[in-house]
Amino acid sequence: MAADRFRYDRYLVDQLVRPIANLYRITPLAAGQAPAGDPVAFVRQKKMAIREDIRFFGDESESEELFRIKARSILDIGGSRYDVVAADGSAIGRLEHVFGKSLLRSTWRITGPDETEVALARERSQALAIARRVVDFLPYGELVPIPYDFVLHGAGGDGDLGHFKRHFLSFRDRYDLDLSGDPDRTLDRRLALALAIALDALQNR
């Protein structure tokens, strides 16, 4: 069942190198970096799309769509908003890149299907956030290894639900999503994984 894919607290997100699309593979983790099972989702982001439409599939052949991230508009002044919807079109929640708070430290607001805030994601270190912005403007800046670390807080910024970290000195983008601080599953794992993909694919949009 699709719901069984999202019962885990820890996931590895791998970006797969392809010429015509950004592809990702999501694998649940047990202890350390040991997989807890087979990959639970494969994600496709078309390059050069006018409006973002990122789709999560249950297998690499993309025969079963699980859910998707859809931009609300082509241009969203004051912050970008993305709906996360199931394959049948029902709402799972929304991701919002909070423009004002993101000038020095990127901040994302996560809401549920009723648009009530359920979590807030923020870069852990302001100093590293500024360093990452400087490096992004340099030629071949993507080759400079800057730690990438977001903390996921509960609604209103209270408590720590978990974190999202980039693997240091990895040839391709690899991330750990750890929601061990949310044993009661207050944050839908699909929303958390949508955020994980957005932080890599949409962060600089």
N, C-alpha and C. Protein backbone atom coordinates (compact mmCIF):
# COMPACT_ATOMS: atom_id res chain seq x y z
N MET A 1 0.84 -1.20 0.00
CA MET A 1 0.00 0.00 0.00
C MET A 1 0.88 1.25 0.00
N ALA A 2 0.36 2.31 -0.65
CA ALA A 2 1.13 3.55 -0.74
C ALA A 2 1.44 4.12 0.63
N ALA A 3 0.48 3.99 1.56
CA ALA A 3 0.68 4.57 2.89
C ALA A 3 1.86 3.93 3.61
N ASP A 4 2.14 2.65 3.33
CA ASP A 4 3.25 1.96 3.99
C ASP A 4 4.60 2.57 3.61
N ARG A 5 4.67 3.22 2.46
CA ARG A 5 5.92 3.83 2.03
C ARG A 5 6.34 4.96 2.95
N PHE A 6 5.37 5.56 3.62
CA PHE A 6 5.62 6.78 4.37
C PHE A 6 5.42 6.59 5.87
N ARG A 7 5.75 5.38 6.33
CA ARG A 7 5.64 5.10 7.77
C ARG A 7 6.97 5.28 8.49
N TYR A 8 8.02 5.62 7.74
CA TYR A 8 9.36 5.70 8.31
C TYR A 8 9.65 7.10 8.85
N ASP A 9 10.69 7.18 9.69
CA ASP A 9 11.11 8.47 10.24
C ASP A 9 12.37 9.00 9.56
N ARG A 10 13.10 8.14 8.84
CA ARG A 10 14.34 8.58 8.21
C ARG A 10 14.39 8.12 6.76
N TYR A 11 14.86 9.05 5.90
CA TYR A 11 14.94 8.75 4.47
C TYR A 11 16.24 9.30 3.90
N LEU A 12 16.76 8.62 2.90
CA LEU A 12 17.87 9.11 2.10
C LEU A 12 17.30 9.60 0.77
N VAL A 13 17.65 10.83 0.39
CA VAL A 13 17.22 11.41 -0.89
C VAL A 13 18.45 11.53 -1.77
N ASP A 14 18.46 10.81 -2.89
CA ASP A 14 19.57 10.82 -3.85
C ASP A 14 19.13 11.54 -5.11
N GLN A 15 19.95 12.45 -5.61
CA GLN A 15 19.69 13.01 -6.93
C GLN A 15 20.40 12.14 -7.96
N LEU A 16 19.66 11.73 -9.00
CA LEU A 16 20.22 10.90 -10.06
C LEU A 16 20.53 11.79 -11.26
N VAL A 17 21.70 11.63 -11.83
CA VAL A 17 22.15 12.49 -12.92
C VAL A 17 21.54 12.01 -14.23
N ARG A 18 20.72 12.88 -14.86
CA ARG A 18 20.11 12.59 -16.15
C ARG A 18 20.14 13.86 -16.99
N PRO A 19 20.23 13.76 -18.33
CA PRO A 19 20.38 14.96 -19.17
C PRO A 19 19.13 15.80 -19.34
N ILE A 20 17.94 15.21 -19.28
CA ILE A 20 16.74 15.97 -19.63
C ILE A 20 15.82 16.24 -18.45
N ALA A 21 16.15 15.76 -17.29
CA ALA A 21 15.27 15.97 -16.13
C ALA A 21 16.08 15.79 -14.86
N ASN A 22 15.62 16.44 -13.79
CA ASN A 22 16.15 16.17 -12.47
C ASN A 22 15.39 14.98 -11.90
N LEU A 23 16.11 13.94 -11.53
CA LEU A 23 15.49 12.75 -10.97
C LEU A 23 16.04 12.50 -9.57
N TYR A 24 15.18 11.99 -8.70
CA TYR A 24 15.57 11.69 -7.33
C TYR A 24 15.05 10.30 -6.96
N ARG A 25 15.77 9.68 -6.05
CA ARG A 25 15.35 8.38 -5.51
C ARG A 25 15.27 8.52 -3.99
N ILE A 26 14.20 8.03 -3.41
CA ILE A 26 13.97 8.16 -1.96
C ILE A 26 13.94 6.76 -1.35
N THR A 27 14.83 6.55 -0.36
CA THR A 27 14.98 5.24 0.26
C THR A 27 14.85 5.39 1.77
N PRO A 28 14.05 4.55 2.42
CA PRO A 28 13.96 4.61 3.89
C PRO A 28 15.23 4.10 4.52
N LEU A 29 15.58 4.67 5.68
CA LEU A 29 16.81 4.29 6.37
C LEU A 29 16.50 3.62 7.70
N ALA A 30 17.34 2.65 8.03
CA ALA A 30 17.30 2.03 9.35
C ALA A 30 18.39 2.69 10.18
N ALA A 31 19.27 1.91 10.79
CA ALA A 31 20.38 2.48 11.57
C ALA A 31 21.46 3.00 10.64
N GLY A 32 22.01 4.17 10.98
CA GLY A 32 23.06 4.75 10.16
C GLY A 32 22.56 5.01 8.75
N GLN A 33 23.35 4.55 7.75
CA GLN A 33 22.97 4.70 6.36
C GLN A 33 22.43 3.39 5.76
N ALA A 34 22.13 2.41 6.60
CA ALA A 34 21.61 1.14 6.11
C ALA A 34 20.17 1.30 5.65
N PRO A 35 19.84 0.88 4.42
CA PRO A 35 18.45 0.99 3.96
C PRO A 35 17.52 0.13 4.81
N ALA A 36 16.31 0.64 5.03
CA ALA A 36 15.29 -0.13 5.75
C ALA A 36 14.45 -0.94 4.78
N GLY A 37 14.73 -0.79 3.50
CA GLY A 37 13.98 -1.51 2.47
C GLY A 37 14.31 -0.93 1.11
N ASP A 38 13.53 -1.33 0.13
CA ASP A 38 13.72 -0.83 -1.23
C ASP A 38 13.30 0.64 -1.32
N PRO A 39 13.74 1.35 -2.38
CA PRO A 39 13.27 2.73 -2.58
C PRO A 39 11.75 2.80 -2.56
N VAL A 40 11.22 3.86 -1.96
CA VAL A 40 9.77 4.01 -1.83
C VAL A 40 9.21 5.02 -2.83
N ALA A 41 10.08 5.81 -3.46
CA ALA A 41 9.58 6.79 -4.42
C ALA A 41 10.70 7.22 -5.36
N PHE A 42 10.30 7.56 -6.57
CA PHE A 42 11.19 8.16 -7.57
C PHE A 42 10.53 9.46 -8.01
N VAL A 43 11.33 10.50 -8.15
CA VAL A 43 10.79 11.84 -8.37
C VAL A 43 11.36 12.41 -9.66
N ARG A 44 10.50 13.05 -10.44
CA ARG A 44 10.92 13.66 -11.69
C ARG A 44 10.56 15.15 -11.69
N GLN A 45 11.54 15.99 -12.01
CA GLN A 45 11.33 17.42 -12.23
C GLN A 45 11.78 17.74 -13.64
N LYS A 46 10.87 18.19 -14.48
CA LYS A 46 11.26 18.57 -15.83
C LYS A 46 12.10 19.84 -15.79
N LYS A 47 13.15 19.87 -16.58
CA LYS A 47 13.98 21.06 -16.68
C LYS A 47 13.33 22.07 -17.61
N MET A 48 13.53 23.35 -17.31
CA MET A 48 13.04 24.45 -18.14
C MET A 48 11.52 24.49 -18.22
N ALA A 49 10.82 23.98 -17.22
CA ALA A 49 9.36 24.03 -17.22
C ALA A 49 8.89 25.45 -16.89
N ILE A 50 7.83 25.90 -17.56
CA ILE A 50 7.29 27.23 -17.30
C ILE A 50 6.71 27.30 -15.89
N ARG A 51 5.98 26.27 -15.51
CA ARG A 51 5.42 26.21 -14.15
C ARG A 51 5.82 24.87 -13.55
N GLU A 52 6.37 24.91 -12.33
CA GLU A 52 6.86 23.69 -11.71
C GLU A 52 5.76 22.65 -11.52
N ASP A 53 6.07 21.42 -11.88
CA ASP A 53 5.18 20.28 -11.69
C ASP A 53 6.08 19.09 -11.45
N ILE A 54 6.34 18.78 -10.18
CA ILE A 54 7.27 17.73 -9.79
C ILE A 54 6.46 16.53 -9.32
N ARG A 55 6.72 15.37 -9.90
CA ARG A 55 5.88 14.21 -9.63
C ARG A 55 6.66 13.10 -8.91
N PHE A 56 5.98 12.49 -7.94
CA PHE A 56 6.52 11.39 -7.15
C PHE A 56 5.85 10.10 -7.62
N PHE A 57 6.67 9.11 -7.96
CA PHE A 57 6.16 7.85 -8.47
C PHE A 57 6.56 6.70 -7.55
N GLY A 58 5.79 5.63 -7.61
CA GLY A 58 6.05 4.49 -6.76
C GLY A 58 7.13 3.57 -7.26
N ASP A 59 7.53 3.71 -8.53
CA ASP A 59 8.57 2.85 -9.09
C ASP A 59 9.33 3.62 -10.16
N GLU A 60 10.47 3.06 -10.54
CA GLU A 60 11.34 3.76 -11.48
C GLU A 60 10.73 3.86 -12.88
N SER A 61 9.80 2.96 -13.21
CA SER A 61 9.14 3.02 -14.52
C SER A 61 8.07 4.11 -14.57
N GLU A 62 7.79 4.72 -13.41
CA GLU A 62 6.83 5.83 -13.31
C GLU A 62 5.42 5.41 -13.73
N SER A 63 5.07 4.16 -13.39
CA SER A 63 3.74 3.66 -13.74
C SER A 63 2.68 4.01 -12.70
N GLU A 64 3.12 4.36 -11.49
CA GLU A 64 2.19 4.68 -10.41
C GLU A 64 2.54 6.04 -9.80
N GLU A 65 1.70 7.04 -10.04
CA GLU A 65 1.94 8.34 -9.42
C GLU A 65 1.42 8.33 -8.00
N LEU A 66 2.24 8.84 -7.08
CA LEU A 66 1.87 8.91 -5.67
C LEU A 66 1.31 10.28 -5.30
N PHE A 67 2.08 11.32 -5.62
CA PHE A 67 1.63 12.70 -5.38
C PHE A 67 2.52 13.62 -6.18
N ARG A 68 2.26 14.92 -6.12
CA ARG A 68 3.06 15.87 -6.89
C ARG A 68 3.14 17.22 -6.20
N ILE A 69 4.13 18.02 -6.61
CA ILE A 69 4.27 19.41 -6.17
C ILE A 69 3.91 20.29 -7.37
N LYS A 70 2.98 21.21 -7.17
CA LYS A 70 2.55 22.10 -8.25
C LYS A 70 2.68 23.55 -7.83
N ALA A 71 3.34 24.36 -8.65
CA ALA A 71 3.44 25.79 -8.35
C ALA A 71 2.07 26.43 -8.50
N ARG A 72 1.75 27.36 -7.61
CA ARG A 72 0.46 28.03 -7.70
C ARG A 72 0.40 29.02 -8.85
N SER A 73 1.56 29.58 -9.22
CA SER A 73 1.60 30.52 -10.33
C SER A 73 2.99 30.52 -10.92
N ILE A 74 3.12 31.08 -12.12
CA ILE A 74 4.42 31.16 -12.78
C ILE A 74 5.33 32.11 -12.02
N LEU A 75 4.80 33.25 -11.59
CA LEU A 75 5.56 34.25 -10.84
C LEU A 75 4.77 34.62 -9.61
N ASP A 76 5.39 34.46 -8.44
CA ASP A 76 4.71 34.72 -7.17
C ASP A 76 5.54 35.74 -6.39
N ILE A 77 5.17 37.00 -6.47
CA ILE A 77 5.92 38.05 -5.80
C ILE A 77 5.75 37.92 -4.27
N GLY A 78 6.88 38.06 -3.56
CA GLY A 78 6.82 38.03 -2.10
C GLY A 78 6.96 36.65 -1.51
N GLY A 79 7.25 35.65 -2.34
CA GLY A 79 7.42 34.30 -1.83
C GLY A 79 6.75 33.30 -2.76
N SER A 80 7.34 32.12 -2.87
CA SER A 80 6.81 31.10 -3.77
C SER A 80 5.94 30.12 -2.99
N ARG A 81 4.83 29.72 -3.61
CA ARG A 81 3.89 28.79 -2.98
C ARG A 81 3.69 27.59 -3.89
N TYR A 82 3.71 26.41 -3.26
CA TYR A 82 3.58 25.16 -4.01
C TYR A 82 2.56 24.27 -3.31
N ASP A 83 1.58 23.79 -4.07
CA ASP A 83 0.61 22.84 -3.54
C ASP A 83 1.17 21.43 -3.65
N VAL A 84 0.93 20.64 -2.63
CA VAL A 84 1.27 19.22 -2.65
C VAL A 84 -0.05 18.46 -2.71
N VAL A 85 -0.27 17.73 -3.79
CA VAL A 85 -1.57 17.08 -4.01
C VAL A 85 -1.37 15.60 -4.32
N ALA A 86 -2.33 14.78 -3.91
CA ALA A 86 -2.31 13.35 -4.19
C ALA A 86 -2.61 13.11 -5.66
N ALA A 87 -2.42 11.87 -6.09
CA ALA A 87 -2.64 11.53 -7.50
C ALA A 87 -4.08 11.80 -7.93
N ASP A 88 -5.03 11.71 -6.99
CA ASP A 88 -6.43 11.96 -7.32
C ASP A 88 -6.80 13.44 -7.25
N GLY A 89 -5.83 14.29 -6.97
CA GLY A 89 -6.06 15.73 -6.92
C GLY A 89 -6.41 16.27 -5.55
N SER A 90 -6.58 15.41 -4.55
CA SER A 90 -6.91 15.88 -3.20
C SER A 90 -5.70 16.54 -2.56
N ALA A 91 -5.96 17.54 -1.73
CA ALA A 91 -4.89 18.33 -1.13
C ALA A 91 -4.19 17.55 -0.01
N ILE A 92 -2.87 17.59 -0.01
CA ILE A 92 -2.07 17.07 1.09
C ILE A 92 -1.56 18.22 1.95
N GLY A 93 -1.20 19.32 1.30
CA GLY A 93 -0.73 20.49 2.04
C GLY A 93 -0.10 21.50 1.09
N ARG A 94 0.69 22.40 1.65
CA ARG A 94 1.31 23.45 0.85
C ARG A 94 2.68 23.77 1.42
N LEU A 95 3.60 24.13 0.51
CA LEU A 95 4.93 24.61 0.88
C LEU A 95 5.02 26.08 0.48
N GLU A 96 5.53 26.90 1.37
CA GLU A 96 5.67 28.33 1.07
C GLU A 96 7.06 28.81 1.43
N HIS A 97 7.80 29.29 0.44
CA HIS A 97 9.11 29.88 0.67
C HIS A 97 8.89 31.30 1.16
N VAL A 98 9.17 31.56 2.43
CA VAL A 98 8.85 32.85 3.06
C VAL A 98 9.93 33.85 2.67
N PHE A 99 9.58 34.78 1.80
CA PHE A 99 10.57 35.66 1.17
C PHE A 99 11.31 36.52 2.19
N GLY A 100 10.61 37.27 3.01
CA GLY A 100 11.25 38.20 3.94
C GLY A 100 12.21 37.52 4.89
N LYS A 101 11.78 36.39 5.48
CA LYS A 101 12.62 35.68 6.44
C LYS A 101 13.76 34.94 5.76
N SER A 102 13.68 34.79 4.44
CA SER A 102 14.67 34.01 3.71
C SER A 102 15.82 34.84 3.16
N LEU A 103 15.79 36.14 3.38
CA LEU A 103 16.85 36.98 2.83
C LEU A 103 18.22 36.60 3.39
N LEU A 104 18.28 36.28 4.66
CA LEU A 104 19.54 35.90 5.28
C LEU A 104 19.58 34.43 5.70
N ARG A 105 18.42 33.85 5.93
CA ARG A 105 18.36 32.44 6.33
C ARG A 105 17.08 31.84 5.76
N SER A 106 17.21 30.95 4.79
CA SER A 106 16.04 30.42 4.09
C SER A 106 15.05 29.80 5.06
N THR A 107 13.77 30.13 4.85
CA THR A 107 12.70 29.67 5.71
C THR A 107 11.53 29.20 4.85
N TRP A 108 11.02 28.03 5.17
CA TRP A 108 9.85 27.48 4.47
C TRP A 108 8.74 27.19 5.49
N ARG A 109 7.53 27.54 5.12
CA ARG A 109 6.36 27.28 5.94
C ARG A 109 5.59 26.11 5.32
N ILE A 110 5.21 25.16 6.15
CA ILE A 110 4.48 23.97 5.68
C ILE A 110 3.10 23.97 6.31
N THR A 111 2.07 23.86 5.49
CA THR A 111 0.70 23.81 5.99
C THR A 111 0.04 22.50 5.58
N GLY A 112 -1.00 22.13 6.32
CA GLY A 112 -1.76 20.94 6.01
C GLY A 112 -2.82 21.22 4.96
N PRO A 113 -3.70 20.26 4.69
CA PRO A 113 -4.72 20.44 3.65
C PRO A 113 -5.69 21.57 3.94
N ASP A 114 -5.85 21.93 5.23
CA ASP A 114 -6.75 23.04 5.60
C ASP A 114 -5.99 24.36 5.69
N GLU A 115 -4.71 24.36 5.25
CA GLU A 115 -3.84 25.54 5.23
C GLU A 115 -3.46 26.03 6.63
N THR A 116 -3.61 25.17 7.63
CA THR A 116 -3.11 25.46 8.97
C THR A 116 -1.64 25.06 9.05
N GLU A 117 -0.81 25.95 9.60
CA GLU A 117 0.62 25.66 9.68
C GLU A 117 0.88 24.42 10.53
N VAL A 118 1.70 23.51 10.00
CA VAL A 118 2.05 22.29 10.73
C VAL A 118 3.55 22.22 11.03
N ALA A 119 4.37 22.98 10.29
CA ALA A 119 5.81 22.95 10.53
C ALA A 119 6.47 24.15 9.88
N LEU A 120 7.68 24.44 10.34
CA LEU A 120 8.48 25.53 9.80
C LEU A 120 9.90 24.99 9.62
N ALA A 121 10.47 25.17 8.43
CA ALA A 121 11.83 24.72 8.16
C ALA A 121 12.73 25.93 8.00
N ARG A 122 13.87 25.92 8.68
CA ARG A 122 14.77 27.07 8.66
C ARG A 122 16.22 26.59 8.66
N GLU A 123 17.09 27.27 7.90
CA GLU A 123 18.51 26.93 7.93
C GLU A 123 19.03 27.06 9.36
N ARG A 124 19.82 26.08 9.78
CA ARG A 124 20.28 26.06 11.17
C ARG A 124 21.22 27.21 11.48
N SER A 125 22.17 27.49 10.58
CA SER A 125 23.20 28.48 10.84
C SER A 125 23.07 29.67 9.89
N GLN A 126 22.94 30.86 10.44
CA GLN A 126 22.86 32.05 9.60
C GLN A 126 24.19 32.31 8.91
N ALA A 127 25.30 32.06 9.58
CA ALA A 127 26.61 32.29 8.98
C ALA A 127 26.81 31.39 7.76
N LEU A 128 26.44 30.12 7.88
CA LEU A 128 26.58 29.21 6.75
C LEU A 128 25.58 29.53 5.64
N ALA A 129 24.41 30.03 6.03
CA ALA A 129 23.42 30.44 5.03
C ALA A 129 23.96 31.58 4.18
N ILE A 130 24.60 32.54 4.82
CA ILE A 130 25.19 33.67 4.08
C ILE A 130 26.34 33.17 3.20
N ALA A 131 27.18 32.28 3.74
CA ALA A 131 28.29 31.73 2.95
C ALA A 131 27.77 30.99 1.73
N ARG A 132 26.68 30.26 1.87
CA ARG A 132 26.12 29.53 0.74
C ARG A 132 25.64 30.49 -0.34
N ARG A 133 25.05 31.61 0.06
CA ARG A 133 24.58 32.60 -0.92
C ARG A 133 25.76 33.21 -1.68
N VAL A 134 26.83 33.50 -0.96
CA VAL A 134 28.01 34.08 -1.61
C VAL A 134 28.58 33.08 -2.61
N VAL A 135 28.72 31.83 -2.21
CA VAL A 135 29.29 30.80 -3.07
C VAL A 135 28.44 30.60 -4.32
N ASP A 136 27.11 30.71 -4.18
CA ASP A 136 26.21 30.51 -5.32
C ASP A 136 26.48 31.49 -6.46
N PHE A 137 27.04 32.65 -6.13
CA PHE A 137 27.30 33.66 -7.15
C PHE A 137 28.67 33.48 -7.83
N LEU A 138 29.49 32.59 -7.30
CA LEU A 138 30.84 32.40 -7.84
C LEU A 138 30.83 31.40 -9.00
N PRO A 139 31.71 31.57 -9.97
CA PRO A 139 31.85 30.56 -11.03
C PRO A 139 32.20 29.20 -10.41
N TYR A 140 31.47 28.18 -10.82
CA TYR A 140 31.66 26.83 -10.30
C TYR A 140 31.46 26.76 -8.79
N GLY A 141 30.63 27.69 -8.29
CA GLY A 141 30.39 27.72 -6.85
C GLY A 141 29.74 26.46 -6.33
N GLU A 142 29.00 25.76 -7.22
CA GLU A 142 28.35 24.52 -6.78
C GLU A 142 29.35 23.44 -6.38
N LEU A 143 30.63 23.62 -6.76
CA LEU A 143 31.66 22.64 -6.42
C LEU A 143 32.27 22.89 -5.05
N VAL A 144 31.95 24.04 -4.45
CA VAL A 144 32.48 24.36 -3.13
C VAL A 144 31.60 23.70 -2.07
N PRO A 145 32.16 22.84 -1.21
CA PRO A 145 31.34 22.10 -0.24
C PRO A 145 30.91 22.95 0.95
N ILE A 146 29.70 23.48 0.90
CA ILE A 146 29.12 24.22 2.02
C ILE A 146 28.06 23.33 2.69
N PRO A 147 28.15 23.09 3.99
CA PRO A 147 27.13 22.28 4.65
C PRO A 147 25.73 22.86 4.42
N TYR A 148 24.77 21.96 4.26
CA TYR A 148 23.39 22.34 3.96
C TYR A 148 22.53 21.69 5.02
N ASP A 149 21.98 22.48 5.93
CA ASP A 149 21.36 21.92 7.12
C ASP A 149 20.13 22.74 7.49
N PHE A 150 18.96 22.11 7.39
CA PHE A 150 17.71 22.75 7.79
C PHE A 150 17.14 22.03 9.01
N VAL A 151 16.59 22.81 9.93
CA VAL A 151 15.89 22.27 11.08
C VAL A 151 14.39 22.40 10.82
N LEU A 152 13.65 21.35 11.10
CA LEU A 152 12.20 21.38 10.96
C LEU A 152 11.59 21.55 12.35
N HIS A 153 10.91 22.66 12.53
CA HIS A 153 10.25 22.97 13.80
C HIS A 153 8.75 22.68 13.70
N GLY A 154 8.11 22.59 14.85
CA GLY A 154 6.66 22.44 14.86
C GLY A 154 5.98 23.74 14.48
N ALA A 155 4.66 23.73 14.48
CA ALA A 155 3.89 24.92 14.11
C ALA A 155 4.31 26.11 14.96
N GLY A 156 4.52 27.26 14.31
CA GLY A 156 4.94 28.46 15.01
C GLY A 156 6.41 28.46 15.38
N GLY A 157 7.14 27.46 14.93
CA GLY A 157 8.58 27.40 15.21
C GLY A 157 8.91 26.74 16.53
N ASP A 158 7.93 26.04 17.14
CA ASP A 158 8.16 25.41 18.44
C ASP A 158 8.70 23.99 18.29
N GLY A 159 9.70 23.65 19.10
CA GLY A 159 10.23 22.30 19.14
C GLY A 159 10.96 21.92 17.86
N ASP A 160 11.66 20.80 17.90
CA ASP A 160 12.38 20.28 16.75
C ASP A 160 11.76 18.96 16.32
N LEU A 161 11.20 18.93 15.12
CA LEU A 161 10.65 17.70 14.59
C LEU A 161 11.73 16.85 13.94
N GLY A 162 12.78 17.52 13.44
CA GLY A 162 13.85 16.78 12.78
C GLY A 162 14.74 17.72 11.99
N HIS A 163 15.47 17.15 11.02
CA HIS A 163 16.37 17.97 10.23
C HIS A 163 16.55 17.38 8.84
N PHE A 164 17.09 18.20 7.96
CA PHE A 164 17.37 17.80 6.58
C PHE A 164 18.79 18.25 6.28
N LYS A 165 19.70 17.29 6.04
CA LYS A 165 21.12 17.61 5.88
C LYS A 165 21.66 17.06 4.57
N ARG A 166 22.54 17.84 3.96
CA ARG A 166 23.24 17.39 2.77
C ARG A 166 24.49 16.62 3.17
N HIS A 167 24.75 15.52 2.47
CA HIS A 167 25.98 14.77 2.71
C HIS A 167 27.17 15.62 2.29
N PHE A 168 28.15 15.68 3.14
CA PHE A 168 29.33 16.50 2.88
C PHE A 168 30.28 15.77 1.93
N LEU A 169 30.84 16.50 0.95
CA LEU A 169 31.82 15.96 0.00
C LEU A 169 31.27 14.78 -0.79
N SER A 170 29.99 14.84 -1.16
CA SER A 170 29.41 13.80 -2.01
C SER A 170 29.46 14.26 -3.46
N PHE A 171 29.75 13.32 -4.39
CA PHE A 171 29.85 13.67 -5.81
C PHE A 171 28.53 14.21 -6.34
N ARG A 172 27.42 13.61 -5.95
CA ARG A 172 26.12 14.11 -6.35
C ARG A 172 25.33 14.47 -5.09
N ASP A 173 24.25 15.19 -5.28
CA ASP A 173 23.47 15.65 -4.14
C ASP A 173 22.82 14.46 -3.43
N ARG A 174 23.13 14.32 -2.16
CA ARG A 174 22.55 13.28 -1.31
C ARG A 174 22.17 13.92 0.02
N TYR A 175 20.99 13.61 0.51
CA TYR A 175 20.48 14.26 1.71
C TYR A 175 19.88 13.22 2.65
N ASP A 176 19.96 13.53 3.95
CA ASP A 176 19.26 12.76 4.97
C ASP A 176 18.08 13.58 5.49
N LEU A 177 16.90 12.98 5.48
CA LEU A 177 15.73 13.56 6.13
C LEU A 177 15.46 12.74 7.37
N ASP A 178 15.58 13.36 8.54
CA ASP A 178 15.43 12.65 9.81
C ASP A 178 14.31 13.30 10.60
N LEU A 179 13.23 12.56 10.80
CA LEU A 179 12.08 13.08 11.55
C LEU A 179 11.87 12.30 12.85
N SER A 180 12.98 11.85 13.43
CA SER A 180 12.90 11.08 14.67
C SER A 180 12.31 11.90 15.82
N GLY A 181 12.35 13.23 15.71
CA GLY A 181 11.78 14.09 16.74
C GLY A 181 10.28 14.24 16.64
N ASP A 182 9.67 13.51 15.71
CA ASP A 182 8.23 13.59 15.50
C ASP A 182 7.60 12.20 15.54
N PRO A 183 7.72 11.51 16.68
CA PRO A 183 7.20 10.14 16.76
C PRO A 183 5.68 10.06 16.62
N ASP A 184 4.99 11.16 16.91
CA ASP A 184 3.53 11.16 16.81
C ASP A 184 3.03 11.45 15.40
N ARG A 185 3.97 11.64 14.47
CA ARG A 185 3.64 11.88 13.06
C ARG A 185 2.73 13.09 12.88
N THR A 186 3.06 14.18 13.54
CA THR A 186 2.29 15.41 13.36
C THR A 186 2.52 16.00 11.97
N LEU A 187 3.66 15.65 11.36
CA LEU A 187 3.98 16.11 10.01
C LEU A 187 3.84 14.94 9.05
N ASP A 188 2.93 15.08 8.10
CA ASP A 188 2.73 14.06 7.06
C ASP A 188 4.06 13.83 6.35
N ARG A 189 4.50 12.58 6.29
CA ARG A 189 5.80 12.28 5.68
C ARG A 189 5.83 12.68 4.21
N ARG A 190 4.70 12.67 3.53
CA ARG A 190 4.68 13.11 2.13
C ARG A 190 5.02 14.59 2.03
N LEU A 191 4.51 15.39 2.96
CA LEU A 191 4.84 16.81 2.98
C LEU A 191 6.32 17.02 3.28
N ALA A 192 6.85 16.24 4.21
CA ALA A 192 8.26 16.36 4.56
C ALA A 192 9.15 15.99 3.37
N LEU A 193 8.78 14.95 2.64
CA LEU A 193 9.57 14.55 1.47
C LEU A 193 9.41 15.55 0.34
N ALA A 194 8.22 16.13 0.19
CA ALA A 194 8.03 17.19 -0.80
C ALA A 194 8.93 18.37 -0.48
N LEU A 195 9.03 18.72 0.80
CA LEU A 195 9.93 19.80 1.21
C LEU A 195 11.38 19.45 0.90
N ALA A 196 11.77 18.20 1.17
CA ALA A 196 13.15 17.78 0.89
C ALA A 196 13.50 17.97 -0.58
N ILE A 197 12.60 17.60 -1.46
CA ILE A 197 12.85 17.78 -2.90
C ILE A 197 12.87 19.27 -3.24
N ALA A 198 11.94 20.03 -2.66
CA ALA A 198 11.87 21.47 -2.94
C ALA A 198 13.14 22.18 -2.51
N LEU A 199 13.73 21.77 -1.39
CA LEU A 199 14.94 22.44 -0.92
C LEU A 199 16.11 22.24 -1.87
N ASP A 200 16.10 21.15 -2.64
CA ASP A 200 17.15 20.95 -3.64
C ASP A 200 16.75 21.55 -4.99
N ALA A 201 15.52 21.30 -5.41
CA ALA A 201 15.11 21.64 -6.78
C ALA A 201 14.62 23.08 -6.94
N LEU A 202 14.07 23.66 -5.86
CA LEU A 202 13.39 24.94 -5.98
C LEU A 202 14.00 26.04 -5.13
N GLN A 203 15.00 25.72 -4.33
CA GLN A 203 15.53 26.66 -3.34
C GLN A 203 15.94 27.99 -3.95
N ASN A 204 16.52 27.98 -5.14
CA ASN A 204 17.03 29.20 -5.73
C ASN A 204 16.09 29.78 -6.79
N ARG A 205 14.84 29.29 -6.84
CA ARG A 205 13.88 29.79 -7.81
C ARG A 205 13.24 31.06 -7.29
